[in-house]
Amino acid sequence: MPLPFKRADRVAGLIQVELSRLLLREVKDPRVHQVTITAVRVSADLRHARVSFMGPGGQGGTEETLTGLRSAAGFLRGQLGRTLRLRYAPELTFEADESVERSLHVAALLKQVAAREGDEGE
């Protein structure tokens, strides 16, 4: 028997797809051109959405991208409300997704441990 999805999960998926489309085609701000939306989490009442993103390059680029996304939030919220036909367009909160950097760091640590175990085993 398939697991039932909550409405918030379905709306989160729709918001992720629509935000990606809007950032690619509609938003003219150059600070948000190379943004990838990695996840969207929507509250149960569908009034708040936390949007995780990956920006281009290093830490300075992420701050600039976050500023660009925050300035475009009103436009994006309005477009989401019209396109998805929601009673209330969710308030968008943007946060940088550092999961890729974290996983690379963990992989490097595991590689170091494996190298040490290999040295001890010989």
PDB file of N, CA and C in Angstrom:
ATOM      1  N   MET A   1       0.845  -1.178   0.000  1.00  0.00           N
ATOM      2  CA  MET A   1       0.000   0.000   0.000  1.00  0.00           C
ATOM      3  C   MET A   1       0.892   1.244   0.000  1.00  0.00           C
ATOM      4  N   PRO A   2       0.696   2.145  -0.949  1.00  0.00           N
ATOM      5  CA  PRO A   2       1.541   3.349  -1.014  1.00  0.00           C
ATOM      6  C   PRO A   2       1.272   4.276   0.175  1.00  0.00           C
ATOM      7  N   LEU A   3       2.315   4.966   0.592  1.00  0.00           N
ATOM      8  CA  LEU A   3       2.183   5.913   1.688  1.00  0.00           C
ATOM      9  C   LEU A   3       1.474   7.174   1.211  1.00  0.00           C
ATOM     10  N   PRO A   4       0.516   7.662   1.974  1.00  0.00           N
ATOM     11  CA  PRO A   4      -0.178   8.885   1.567  1.00  0.00           C
ATOM     12  C   PRO A   4       0.710  10.109   1.785  1.00  0.00           C
ATOM     13  N   PHE A   5       0.636  11.037   0.875  1.00  0.00           N
ATOM     14  CA  PHE A   5       1.382  12.283   0.988  1.00  0.00           C
ATOM     15  C   PHE A   5       0.474  13.355   1.569  1.00  0.00           C
ATOM     16  N   LYS A   6       1.061  14.201   2.376  1.00  0.00           N
ATOM     17  CA  LYS A   6       0.302  15.333   2.886  1.00  0.00           C
ATOM     18  C   LYS A   6       0.195  16.387   1.797  1.00  0.00           C
ATOM     19  N   ARG A   7      -0.818  17.204   1.902  1.00  0.00           N
ATOM     20  CA  ARG A   7      -1.011  18.260   0.916  1.00  0.00           C
ATOM     21  C   ARG A   7       0.177  19.206   0.903  1.00  0.00           C
ATOM     22  N   ALA A   8       0.757  19.468   2.070  1.00  0.00           N
ATOM     23  CA  ALA A   8       1.911  20.365   2.153  1.00  0.00           C
ATOM     24  C   ALA A   8       3.079  19.829   1.332  1.00  0.00           C
ATOM     25  N   ASP A   9       3.261  18.506   1.300  1.00  0.00           N
ATOM     26  CA  ASP A   9       4.337  17.918   0.503  1.00  0.00           C
ATOM     27  C   ASP A   9       4.091  18.116  -0.986  1.00  0.00           C
ATOM     28  N   ARG A  10       2.850  17.935  -1.411  1.00  0.00           N
ATOM     29  CA  ARG A  10       2.523  18.130  -2.830  1.00  0.00           C
ATOM     30  C   ARG A  10       2.703  19.589  -3.231  1.00  0.00           C
ATOM     31  N   VAL A  11       2.249  20.502  -2.374  1.00  0.00           N
ATOM     32  CA  VAL A  11       2.387  21.934  -2.666  1.00  0.00           C
ATOM     33  C   VAL A  11       3.862  22.323  -2.686  1.00  0.00           C
ATOM     34  N   ALA A  12       4.663  21.743  -1.793  1.00  0.00           N
ATOM     35  CA  ALA A  12       6.100  22.035  -1.772  1.00  0.00           C
ATOM     36  C   ALA A  12       6.753  21.647  -3.095  1.00  0.00           C
ATOM     37  N   GLY A  13       6.383  20.501  -3.631  1.00  0.00           N
ATOM     38  CA  GLY A  13       6.915  20.080  -4.931  1.00  0.00           C
ATOM     39  C   GLY A  13       6.524  21.036  -6.047  1.00  0.00           C
ATOM     40  N   LEU A  14       5.272  21.471  -6.038  1.00  0.00           N
ATOM     41  CA  LEU A  14       4.816  22.429  -7.043  1.00  0.00           C
ATOM     42  C   LEU A  14       5.544  23.765  -6.911  1.00  0.00           C
ATOM     43  N   ILE A  15       5.749  24.204  -5.680  1.00  0.00           N
ATOM     44  CA  ILE A  15       6.450  25.472  -5.453  1.00  0.00           C
ATOM     45  C   ILE A  15       7.886  25.372  -5.934  1.00  0.00           C
ATOM     46  N   GLN A  16       8.535  24.240  -5.693  1.00  0.00           N
ATOM     47  CA  GLN A  16       9.924  24.075  -6.132  1.00  0.00           C
ATOM     48  C   GLN A  16      10.033  24.161  -7.652  1.00  0.00           C
ATOM     49  N   VAL A  17       9.150  23.493  -8.346  1.00  0.00           N
ATOM     50  CA  VAL A  17       9.176  23.523  -9.815  1.00  0.00           C
ATOM     51  C   VAL A  17       8.896  24.936 -10.327  1.00  0.00           C
ATOM     52  N   GLU A  18       7.895  25.577  -9.762  1.00  0.00           N
ATOM     53  CA  GLU A  18       7.502  26.909 -10.236  1.00  0.00           C
ATOM     54  C   GLU A  18       8.572  27.956  -9.911  1.00  0.00           C
ATOM     55  N   LEU A  19       9.165  27.876  -8.718  1.00  0.00           N
ATOM     56  CA  LEU A  19      10.244  28.816  -8.378  1.00  0.00           C
ATOM     57  C   LEU A  19      11.427  28.655  -9.316  1.00  0.00           C
ATOM     58  N   SER A  20      11.764  27.420  -9.633  1.00  0.00           N
ATOM     59  CA  SER A  20      12.870  27.181 -10.569  1.00  0.00           C
ATOM     60  C   SER A  20      12.574  27.811 -11.922  1.00  0.00           C
ATOM     61  N   ARG A  21      11.347  27.646 -12.386  1.00  0.00           N
ATOM     62  CA  ARG A  21      10.956  28.231 -13.673  1.00  0.00           C
ATOM     63  C   ARG A  21      11.000  29.756 -13.621  1.00  0.00           C
ATOM     64  N   LEU A  22      10.473  30.328 -12.540  1.00  0.00           N
ATOM     65  CA  LEU A  22      10.454  31.786 -12.410  1.00  0.00           C
ATOM     66  C   LEU A  22      11.864  32.363 -12.346  1.00  0.00           C
ATOM     67  N   LEU A  23      12.741  31.733 -11.597  1.00  0.00           N
ATOM     68  CA  LEU A  23      14.109  32.232 -11.488  1.00  0.00           C
ATOM     69  C   LEU A  23      14.852  32.119 -12.810  1.00  0.00           C
ATOM     70  N   LEU A  24      14.529  31.094 -13.568  1.00  0.00           N
ATOM     71  CA  LEU A  24      15.201  30.889 -14.856  1.00  0.00           C
ATOM     72  C   LEU A  24      14.694  31.848 -15.928  1.00  0.00           C
ATOM     73  N   ARG A  25      13.370  32.095 -15.948  1.00  0.00           N
ATOM     74  CA  ARG A  25      12.794  32.827 -17.080  1.00  0.00           C
ATOM     75  C   ARG A  25      12.250  34.212 -16.772  1.00  0.00           C
ATOM     76  N   GLU A  26      11.801  34.455 -15.562  1.00  0.00           N
ATOM     77  CA  GLU A  26      11.085  35.691 -15.269  1.00  0.00           C
ATOM     78  C   GLU A  26      11.898  36.738 -14.512  1.00  0.00           C
ATOM     79  N   VAL A  27      12.705  36.308 -13.560  1.00  0.00           N
ATOM     80  CA  VAL A  27      13.442  37.255 -12.712  1.00  0.00           C
ATOM     81  C   VAL A  27      14.637  37.786 -13.493  1.00  0.00           C
ATOM     82  N   LYS A  28      14.762  39.104 -13.529  1.00  0.00           N
ATOM     83  CA  LYS A  28      15.822  39.740 -14.319  1.00  0.00           C
ATOM     84  C   LYS A  28      17.079  40.058 -13.496  1.00  0.00           C
ATOM     85  N   ASP A  29      17.046  39.830 -12.196  1.00  0.00           N
ATOM     86  CA  ASP A  29      18.157  40.142 -11.305  1.00  0.00           C
ATOM     87  C   ASP A  29      19.335  39.203 -11.591  1.00  0.00           C
ATOM     88  N   PRO A  30      20.499  39.728 -11.960  1.00  0.00           N
ATOM     89  CA  PRO A  30      21.644  38.860 -12.274  1.00  0.00           C
ATOM     90  C   PRO A  30      22.188  38.106 -11.062  1.00  0.00           C
ATOM     91  N   ARG A  31      21.834  38.517  -9.854  1.00  0.00           N
ATOM     92  CA  ARG A  31      22.332  37.830  -8.655  1.00  0.00           C
ATOM     93  C   ARG A  31      21.710  36.454  -8.487  1.00  0.00           C
ATOM     94  N   VAL A  32      20.592  36.185  -9.147  1.00  0.00           N
ATOM     95  CA  VAL A  32      19.892  34.913  -8.947  1.00  0.00           C
ATOM     96  C   VAL A  32      19.857  34.044 -10.206  1.00  0.00           C
ATOM     97  N   HIS A  33      20.697  34.320 -11.173  1.00  0.00           N
ATOM     98  CA  HIS A  33      20.639  33.577 -12.430  1.00  0.00           C
ATOM     99  C   HIS A  33      21.105  32.137 -12.314  1.00  0.00           C
ATOM    100  N   GLN A  34      22.084  31.848 -11.485  1.00  0.00           N
ATOM    101  CA  GLN A  34      22.615  30.489 -11.409  1.00  0.00           C
ATOM    102  C   GLN A  34      22.202  29.795 -10.117  1.00  0.00           C
ATOM    103  N   VAL A  35      21.005  30.049  -9.670  1.00  0.00           N
ATOM    104  CA  VAL A  35      20.499  29.475  -8.432  1.00  0.00           C
ATOM    105  C   VAL A  35      19.804  28.150  -8.724  1.00  0.00           C
ATOM    106  N   THR A  36      20.062  27.172  -7.854  1.00  0.00           N
ATOM    107  CA  THR A  36      19.380  25.894  -7.928  1.00  0.00           C
ATOM    108  C   THR A  36      18.547  25.726  -6.665  1.00  0.00           C
ATOM    109  N   ILE A  37      17.259  25.518  -6.822  1.00  0.00           N
ATOM    110  CA  ILE A  37      16.374  25.279  -5.689  1.00  0.00           C
ATOM    111  C   ILE A  37      16.499  23.798  -5.337  1.00  0.00           C
ATOM    112  N   THR A  38      17.008  23.506  -4.143  1.00  0.00           N
ATOM    113  CA  THR A  38      17.259  22.114  -3.760  1.00  0.00           C
ATOM    114  C   THR A  38      16.120  21.500  -2.960  1.00  0.00           C
ATOM    115  N   ALA A  39      15.400  22.303  -2.194  1.00  0.00           N
ATOM    116  CA  ALA A  39      14.295  21.759  -1.385  1.00  0.00           C
ATOM    117  C   ALA A  39      13.346  22.884  -0.989  1.00  0.00           C
ATOM    118  N   VAL A  40      12.097  22.517  -0.793  1.00  0.00           N
ATOM    119  CA  VAL A  40      11.084  23.444  -0.280  1.00  0.00           C
ATOM    120  C   VAL A  40      10.311  22.702   0.808  1.00  0.00           C
ATOM    121  N   ARG A  41      10.205  23.322   1.964  1.00  0.00           N
ATOM    122  CA  ARG A  41       9.420  22.763   3.059  1.00  0.00           C
ATOM    123  C   ARG A  41       8.294  23.752   3.362  1.00  0.00           C
ATOM    124  N   VAL A  42       7.069  23.268   3.348  1.00  0.00           N
ATOM    125  CA  VAL A  42       5.893  24.119   3.539  1.00  0.00           C
ATOM    126  C   VAL A  42       5.225  23.731   4.857  1.00  0.00           C
ATOM    127  N   SER A  43       4.789  24.743   5.611  1.00  0.00           N
ATOM    128  CA  SER A  43       4.094  24.479   6.870  1.00  0.00           C
ATOM    129  C   SER A  43       2.746  23.815   6.583  1.00  0.00           C
ATOM    130  N   ALA A  44       2.178  23.196   7.601  1.00  0.00           N
ATOM    131  CA  ALA A  44       0.926  22.462   7.427  1.00  0.00           C
ATOM    132  C   ALA A  44      -0.222  23.362   6.973  1.00  0.00           C
ATOM    133  N   ASP A  45      -0.197  24.645   7.391  1.00  0.00           N
ATOM    134  CA  ASP A  45      -1.265  25.558   6.981  1.00  0.00           C
ATOM    135  C   ASP A  45      -0.972  26.246   5.644  1.00  0.00           C
ATOM    136  N   LEU A  46       0.124  25.899   5.003  1.00  0.00           N
ATOM    137  CA  LEU A  46       0.530  26.381   3.676  1.00  0.00           C
ATOM    138  C   LEU A  46       0.796  27.890   3.638  1.00  0.00           C
ATOM    139  N   ARG A  47       1.088  28.490   4.762  1.00  0.00           N
ATOM    140  CA  ARG A  47       1.322  29.936   4.794  1.00  0.00           C
ATOM    141  C   ARG A  47       2.796  30.307   4.793  1.00  0.00           C
ATOM    142  N   HIS A  48       3.676  29.347   5.090  1.00  0.00           N
ATOM    143  CA  HIS A  48       5.111  29.622   5.137  1.00  0.00           C
ATOM    144  C   HIS A  48       5.856  28.544   4.366  1.00  0.00           C
ATOM    145  N   ALA A  49       6.841  28.976   3.596  1.00  0.00           N
ATOM    146  CA  ALA A  49       7.664  28.033   2.843  1.00  0.00           C
ATOM    147  C   ALA A  49       9.130  28.378   3.057  1.00  0.00           C
ATOM    148  N   ARG A  50       9.918  27.374   3.462  1.00  0.00           N
ATOM    149  CA  ARG A  50      11.365  27.535   3.611  1.00  0.00           C
ATOM    150  C   ARG A  50      12.004  26.949   2.354  1.00  0.00           C
ATOM    151  N   VAL A  51      12.725  27.793   1.636  1.00  0.00           N
ATOM    152  CA  VAL A  51      13.302  27.410   0.355  1.00  0.00           C
ATOM    153  C   VAL A  51      14.815  27.289   0.518  1.00  0.00           C
ATOM    154  N   SER A  52      15.345  26.083   0.286  1.00  0.00           N
ATOM    155  CA  SER A  52      16.789  25.864   0.322  1.00  0.00           C
ATOM    156  C   SER A  52      17.324  26.004  -1.096  1.00  0.00           C
ATOM    157  N   PHE A  53      18.460  26.666  -1.223  1.00  0.00           N
ATOM    158  CA  PHE A  53      19.031  26.891  -2.545  1.00  0.00           C
ATOM    159  C   PHE A  53      20.540  26.727  -2.511  1.00  0.00           C
ATOM    160  N   MET A  54      21.098  26.467  -3.683  1.00  0.00           N
ATOM    161  CA  MET A  54      22.546  26.469  -3.869  1.00  0.00           C
ATOM    162  C   MET A  54      22.865  27.550  -4.880  1.00  0.00           C
ATOM    163  N   GLY A  55      23.754  28.438  -4.487  1.00  0.00           N
ATOM    164  CA  GLY A  55      24.163  29.510  -5.378  1.00  0.00           C
ATOM    165  C   GLY A  55      25.489  29.194  -6.034  1.00  0.00           C
ATOM    166  N   PRO A  56      25.925  30.058  -6.916  1.00  0.00           N
ATOM    167  CA  PRO A  56      27.205  29.847  -7.578  1.00  0.00           C
ATOM    168  C   PRO A  56      28.364  30.187  -6.650  1.00  0.00           C
ATOM    169  N   GLY A  57      29.419  29.411  -6.726  1.00  0.00           N
ATOM    170  CA  GLY A  57      30.678  29.763  -6.080  1.00  0.00           C
ATOM    171  C   GLY A  57      30.699  29.738  -4.573  1.00  0.00           C
ATOM    172  N   GLY A  58      31.580  30.594  -4.036  1.00  0.00           N
ATOM    173  CA  GLY A  58      31.912  30.581  -2.624  1.00  0.00           C
ATOM    174  C   GLY A  58      30.936  31.308  -1.728  1.00  0.00           C
ATOM    175  N   GLN A  59      31.408  31.570  -0.510  1.00  0.00           N
ATOM    176  CA  GLN A  59      30.575  32.154   0.532  1.00  0.00           C
ATOM    177  C   GLN A  59      30.075  33.546   0.148  1.00  0.00           C
ATOM    178  N   GLY A  60      30.921  34.390  -0.451  1.00  0.00           N
ATOM    179  CA  GLY A  60      30.501  35.733  -0.844  1.00  0.00           C
ATOM    180  C   GLY A  60      29.390  35.706  -1.875  1.00  0.00           C
ATOM    181  N   GLY A  61      29.467  34.739  -2.793  1.00  0.00           N
ATOM    182  CA  GLY A  61      28.433  34.588  -3.805  1.00  0.00           C
ATOM    183  C   GLY A  61      27.108  34.169  -3.209  1.00  0.00           C
ATOM    184  N   THR A  62      27.167  33.361  -2.153  1.00  0.00           N
ATOM    185  CA  THR A  62      25.936  32.916  -1.500  1.00  0.00           C
ATOM    186  C   THR A  62      25.233  34.084  -0.830  1.00  0.00           C
ATOM    187  N   GLU A  63      25.984  34.951  -0.182  1.00  0.00           N
ATOM    188  CA  GLU A  63      25.382  36.121   0.476  1.00  0.00           C
ATOM    189  C   GLU A  63      24.728  37.044  -0.551  1.00  0.00           C
ATOM    190  N   GLU A  64      25.408  37.247  -1.654  1.00  0.00           N
ATOM    191  CA  GLU A  64      24.865  38.099  -2.719  1.00  0.00           C
ATOM    192  C   GLU A  64      23.606  37.470  -3.314  1.00  0.00           C
ATOM    193  N   THR A  65      23.628  36.159  -3.506  1.00  0.00           N
ATOM    194  CA  THR A  65      22.465  35.453  -4.036  1.00  0.00           C
ATOM    195  C   THR A  65      21.299  35.532  -3.062  1.00  0.00           C
ATOM    196  N   LEU A  66      21.580  35.369  -1.774  1.00  0.00           N
ATOM    197  CA  LEU A  66      20.534  35.459  -0.754  1.00  0.00           C
ATOM    198  C   LEU A  66      19.893  36.845  -0.757  1.00  0.00           C
ATOM    199  N   THR A  67      20.700  37.876  -0.903  1.00  0.00           N
ATOM    200  CA  THR A  67      20.175  39.239  -0.981  1.00  0.00           C
ATOM    201  C   THR A  67      19.274  39.401  -2.210  1.00  0.00           C
ATOM    202  N   GLY A  68      19.696  38.859  -3.339  1.00  0.00           N
ATOM    203  CA  GLY A  68      18.890  38.920  -4.552  1.00  0.00           C
ATOM    204  C   GLY A  68      17.570  38.177  -4.416  1.00  0.00           C
ATOM    205  N   LEU A  69      17.602  37.013  -3.780  1.00  0.00           N
ATOM    206  CA  LEU A  69      16.372  36.244  -3.590  1.00  0.00           C
ATOM    207  C   LEU A  69      15.417  36.961  -2.648  1.00  0.00           C
ATOM    208  N   ARG A  70      15.957  37.548  -1.603  1.00  0.00           N
ATOM    209  CA  ARG A  70      15.098  38.283  -0.666  1.00  0.00           C
ATOM    210  C   ARG A  70      14.454  39.490  -1.337  1.00  0.00           C
ATOM    211  N   SER A  71      15.190  40.136  -2.235  1.00  0.00           N
ATOM    212  CA  SER A  71      14.599  41.297  -2.911  1.00  0.00           C
ATOM    213  C   SER A  71      13.539  40.880  -3.927  1.00  0.00           C
ATOM    214  N   ALA A  72      13.645  39.670  -4.454  1.00  0.00           N
ATOM    215  CA  ALA A  72      12.671  39.179  -5.427  1.00  0.00           C
ATOM    216  C   ALA A  72      11.534  38.410  -4.770  1.00  0.00           C
ATOM    217  N   ALA A  73      11.550  38.248  -3.450  1.00  0.00           N
ATOM    218  CA  ALA A  73      10.569  37.409  -2.751  1.00  0.00           C
ATOM    219  C   ALA A  73       9.133  37.869  -2.980  1.00  0.00           C
ATOM    220  N   GLY A  74       8.894  39.158  -2.966  1.00  0.00           N
ATOM    221  CA  GLY A  74       7.534  39.662  -3.183  1.00  0.00           C
ATOM    222  C   GLY A  74       7.009  39.311  -4.566  1.00  0.00           C
ATOM    223  N   PHE A  75       7.840  39.515  -5.575  1.00  0.00           N
ATOM    224  CA  PHE A  75       7.462  39.165  -6.943  1.00  0.00           C
ATOM    225  C   PHE A  75       7.202  37.667  -7.054  1.00  0.00           C
ATOM    226  N   LEU A  76       8.114  36.856  -6.496  1.00  0.00           N
ATOM    227  CA  LEU A  76       7.973  35.408  -6.574  1.00  0.00           C
ATOM    228  C   LEU A  76       6.705  34.935  -5.859  1.00  0.00           C
ATOM    229  N   ARG A  77       6.417  35.521  -4.708  1.00  0.00           N
ATOM    230  CA  ARG A  77       5.228  35.138  -3.944  1.00  0.00           C
ATOM    231  C   ARG A  77       3.956  35.453  -4.741  1.00  0.00           C
ATOM    232  N   GLY A  78       3.914  36.612  -5.355  1.00  0.00           N
ATOM    233  CA  GLY A  78       2.752  36.979  -6.162  1.00  0.00           C
ATOM    234  C   GLY A  78       2.551  36.048  -7.340  1.00  0.00           C
ATOM    235  N   GLN A  79       3.647  35.726  -8.009  1.00  0.00           N
ATOM    236  CA  GLN A  79       3.562  34.821  -9.158  1.00  0.00           C
ATOM    237  C   GLN A  79       3.124  33.424  -8.721  1.00  0.00           C
ATOM    238  N   LEU A  80       3.640  32.954  -7.591  1.00  0.00           N
ATOM    239  CA  LEU A  80       3.230  31.635  -7.086  1.00  0.00           C
ATOM    240  C   LEU A  80       1.737  31.605  -6.776  1.00  0.00           C
ATOM    241  N   GLY A  81       1.253  32.668  -6.149  1.00  0.00           N
ATOM    242  CA  GLY A  81      -0.164  32.734  -5.813  1.00  0.00           C
ATOM    243  C   GLY A  81      -1.048  32.687  -7.041  1.00  0.00           C
ATOM    244  N   ARG A  82      -0.640  33.397  -8.093  1.00  0.00           N
ATOM    245  CA  ARG A  82      -1.433  33.404  -9.320  1.00  0.00           C
ATOM    246  C   ARG A  82      -1.326  32.070 -10.064  1.00  0.00           C
ATOM    247  N   THR A  83      -0.126  31.546 -10.183  1.00  0.00           N
ATOM    248  CA  THR A  83       0.083  30.342 -10.977  1.00  0.00           C
ATOM    249  C   THR A  83      -0.498  29.100 -10.316  1.00  0.00           C
ATOM    250  N   LEU A  84      -0.275  28.945  -9.014  1.00  0.00           N
ATOM    251  CA  LEU A  84      -0.720  27.737  -8.323  1.00  0.00           C
ATOM    252  C   LEU A  84      -2.143  27.843  -7.796  1.00  0.00           C
ATOM    253  N   ARG A  85      -2.734  29.022  -7.890  1.00  0.00           N
ATOM    254  CA  ARG A  85      -4.111  29.264  -7.465  1.00  0.00           C
ATOM    255  C   ARG A  85      -4.354  28.834  -6.024  1.00  0.00           C
ATOM    256  N   LEU A  86      -3.452  29.283  -5.161  1.00  0.00           N
ATOM    257  CA  LEU A  86      -3.599  29.000  -3.739  1.00  0.00           C
ATOM    258  C   LEU A  86      -4.399  30.117  -3.083  1.00  0.00           C
ATOM    259  N   ARG A  87      -5.134  29.784  -2.051  1.00  0.00           N
ATOM    260  CA  ARG A  87      -5.893  30.807  -1.332  1.00  0.00           C
ATOM    261  C   ARG A  87      -4.933  31.829  -0.727  1.00  0.00           C
ATOM    262  N   TYR A  88      -3.867  31.334  -0.126  1.00  0.00           N
ATOM    263  CA  TYR A  88      -2.837  32.205   0.439  1.00  0.00           C
ATOM    264  C   TYR A  88      -1.503  31.826  -0.172  1.00  0.00           C
ATOM    265  N   ALA A  89      -0.838  32.793  -0.764  1.00  0.00           N
ATOM    266  CA  ALA A  89       0.504  32.539  -1.272  1.00  0.00           C
ATOM    267  C   ALA A  89       1.446  32.463  -0.072  1.00  0.00           C
ATOM    268  N   PRO A  90       2.264  31.428   0.011  1.00  0.00           N
ATOM    269  CA  PRO A  90       3.110  31.271   1.192  1.00  0.00           C
ATOM    270  C   PRO A  90       4.194  32.342   1.273  1.00  0.00           C
ATOM    271  N   GLU A  91       4.516  32.735   2.500  1.00  0.00           N
ATOM    272  CA  GLU A  91       5.620  33.652   2.737  1.00  0.00           C
ATOM    273  C   GLU A  91       6.911  32.864   2.531  1.00  0.00           C
ATOM    274  N   LEU A  92       7.801  33.380   1.688  1.00  0.00           N
ATOM    275  CA  LEU A  92       9.016  32.663   1.320  1.00  0.00           C
ATOM    276  C   LEU A  92      10.181  33.070   2.217  1.00  0.00           C
ATOM    277  N   THR A  93      10.859  32.079   2.771  1.00  0.00           N
ATOM    278  CA  THR A  93      12.073  32.290   3.548  1.00  0.00           C
ATOM    279  C   THR A  93      13.180  31.502   2.863  1.00  0.00           C
ATOM    280  N   PHE A  94      14.254  32.183   2.496  1.00  0.00           N
ATOM    281  CA  PHE A  94      15.341  31.545   1.766  1.00  0.00           C
ATOM    282  C   PHE A  94      16.491  31.217   2.699  1.00  0.00           C
ATOM    283  N   GLU A  95      17.117  30.048   2.471  1.00  0.00           N
ATOM    284  CA  GLU A  95      18.280  29.642   3.249  1.00  0.00           C
ATOM    285  C   GLU A  95      19.241  28.884   2.329  1.00  0.00           C
ATOM    286  N   ALA A  96      20.523  29.147   2.518  1.00  0.00           N
ATOM    287  CA  ALA A  96      21.536  28.482   1.706  1.00  0.00           C
ATOM    288  C   ALA A  96      21.620  27.012   2.096  1.00  0.00           C
ATOM    289  N   ASP A  97      21.742  26.152   1.113  1.00  0.00           N
ATOM    290  CA  ASP A  97      21.855  24.708   1.343  1.00  0.00           C
ATOM    291  C   ASP A  97      23.330  24.342   1.332  1.00  0.00           C
ATOM    292  N   GLU A  98      23.844  23.938   2.474  1.00  0.00           N
ATOM    293  CA  GLU A  98      25.252  23.582   2.579  1.00  0.00           C
ATOM    294  C   GLU A  98      25.456  22.078   2.639  1.00  0.00           C
ATOM    295  N   SER A  99      24.473  21.304   2.236  1.00  0.00           N
ATOM    296  CA  SER A  99      24.566  19.852   2.346  1.00  0.00           C
ATOM    297  C   SER A  99      25.664  19.284   1.446  1.00  0.00           C
ATOM    298  N   VAL A 100      25.889  19.864   0.277  1.00  0.00           N
ATOM    299  CA  VAL A 100      26.926  19.367  -0.620  1.00  0.00           C
ATOM    300  C   VAL A 100      28.296  19.584   0.006  1.00  0.00           C
ATOM    301  N   GLU A 101      28.536  20.791   0.535  1.00  0.00           N
ATOM    302  CA  GLU A 101      29.818  21.059   1.176  1.00  0.00           C
ATOM    303  C   GLU A 101      30.018  20.164   2.388  1.00  0.00           C
ATOM    304  N   ARG A 102      28.937  19.956   3.168  1.00  0.00           N
ATOM    305  CA  ARG A 102      29.015  19.105   4.349  1.00  0.00           C
ATOM    306  C   ARG A 102      29.336  17.662   3.948  1.00  0.00           C
ATOM    307  N   SER A 103      28.720  17.169   2.890  1.00  0.00           N
ATOM    308  CA  SER A 103      28.976  15.788   2.469  1.00  0.00           C
ATOM    309  C   SER A 103      30.388  15.631   1.924  1.00  0.00           C
ATOM    310  N   LEU A 104      30.908  16.652   1.246  1.00  0.00           N
ATOM    311  CA  LEU A 104      32.303  16.587   0.785  1.00  0.00           C
ATOM    312  C   LEU A 104      33.270  16.575   1.965  1.00  0.00           C
ATOM    313  N   HIS A 105      32.950  17.340   2.999  1.00  0.00           N
ATOM    314  CA  HIS A 105      33.788  17.364   4.190  1.00  0.00           C
ATOM    315  C   HIS A 105      33.779  16.002   4.891  1.00  0.00           C
ATOM    316  N   VAL A 106      32.608  15.385   5.017  1.00  0.00           N
ATOM    317  CA  VAL A 106      32.496  14.066   5.638  1.00  0.00           C
ATOM    318  C   VAL A 106      33.250  13.030   4.810  1.00  0.00           C
ATOM    319  N   ALA A 107      33.146  13.113   3.491  1.00  0.00           N
ATOM    320  CA  ALA A 107      33.864  12.174   2.623  1.00  0.00           C
ATOM    321  C   ALA A 107      35.371  12.313   2.804  1.00  0.00           C
ATOM    322  N   ALA A 108      35.857  13.560   2.944  1.00  0.00           N
ATOM    323  CA  ALA A 108      37.291  13.773   3.162  1.00  0.00           C
ATOM    324  C   ALA A 108      37.723  13.188   4.507  1.00  0.00           C
ATOM    325  N   LEU A 109      36.899  13.363   5.534  1.00  0.00           N
ATOM    326  CA  LEU A 109      37.220  12.790   6.850  1.00  0.00           C
ATOM    327  C   LEU A 109      37.245  11.271   6.799  1.00  0.00           C
ATOM    328  N   LEU A 110      36.290  10.659   6.105  1.00  0.00           N
ATOM    329  CA  LEU A 110      36.267   9.207   5.978  1.00  0.00           C
ATOM    330  C   LEU A 110      37.485   8.694   5.211  1.00  0.00           C
ATOM    331  N   LYS A 111      37.905   9.454   4.232  1.00  0.00           N
ATOM    332  CA  LYS A 111      39.093   9.075   3.460  1.00  0.00           C
ATOM    333  C   LYS A 111      40.335   9.105   4.346  1.00  0.00           C
ATOM    334  N   GLN A 112      40.419  10.115   5.222  1.00  0.00           N
ATOM    335  CA  GLN A 112      41.546  10.197   6.157  1.00  0.00           C
ATOM    336  C   GLN A 112      41.534   9.015   7.118  1.00  0.00           C
ATOM    337  N   VAL A 113      40.371   8.662   7.621  1.00  0.00           N
ATOM    338  CA  VAL A 113      40.270   7.522   8.549  1.00  0.00           C
ATOM    339  C   VAL A 113      40.660   6.239   7.842  1.00  0.00           C
ATOM    340  N   ALA A 114      40.211   6.046   6.630  1.00  0.00           N
ATOM    341  CA  ALA A 114      40.555   4.852   5.871  1.00  0.00           C
ATOM    342  C   ALA A 114      42.060   4.772   5.606  1.00  0.00           C
ATOM    343  N   ALA A 115      42.671   5.908   5.332  1.00  0.00           N
ATOM    344  CA  ALA A 115      44.116   5.943   5.101  1.00  0.00           C
ATOM    345  C   ALA A 115      44.859   5.570   6.392  1.00  0.00           C
ATOM    346  N   ARG A 116      44.415   6.072   7.529  1.00  0.00           N
ATOM    347  CA  ARG A 116      45.056   5.755   8.816  1.00  0.00           C
ATOM    348  C   ARG A 116      44.902   4.268   9.142  1.00  0.00           C
ATOM    349  N   GLU A 117      43.727   3.712   8.909  1.00  0.00           N
ATOM    350  CA  GLU A 117      43.510   2.285   9.169  1.00  0.00           C
ATOM    351  C   GLU A 117      44.360   1.447   8.250  1.00  0.00           C
ATOM    352  N   GLY A 118      44.547   1.894   7.015  1.00  0.00           N
ATOM    353  CA  GLY A 118      45.408   1.170   6.077  1.00  0.00           C
ATOM    354  C   GLY A 118      46.858   1.183   6.526  1.00  0.00           C
ATOM    355  N   ASP A 119      47.309   2.304   7.094  1.00  0.00           N
ATOM    356  CA  ASP A 119      48.677   2.408   7.600  1.00  0.00           C
ATOM    357  C   ASP A 119      48.876   1.533   8.824  1.00  0.00           C
ATOM    358  N   GLU A 120      47.896   1.453   9.697  1.00  0.00           N
ATOM    359  CA  GLU A 120      47.990   0.644  10.912  1.00  0.00           C
ATOM    360  C   GLU A 120      47.922  -0.831  10.607  1.00  0.00           C
ATOM    361  N   GLY A 121      47.213  -1.209   9.572  1.00  0.00           N
ATOM    362  CA  GLY A 121      47.051  -2.620   9.213  1.00  0.00           C
ATOM    363  C   GLY A 121      48.291  -3.198   8.589  1.00  0.00           C
ATOM    364  N   GLU A 122      49.188  -2.430   8.089  1.00  0.00           N
ATOM    365  CA  GLU A 122      50.382  -2.944   7.398  1.00  0.00           C
ATOM    366  C   GLU A 122      51.474  -3.305   8.335  1.00  0.00           C
TER     367      GLU A 122
END
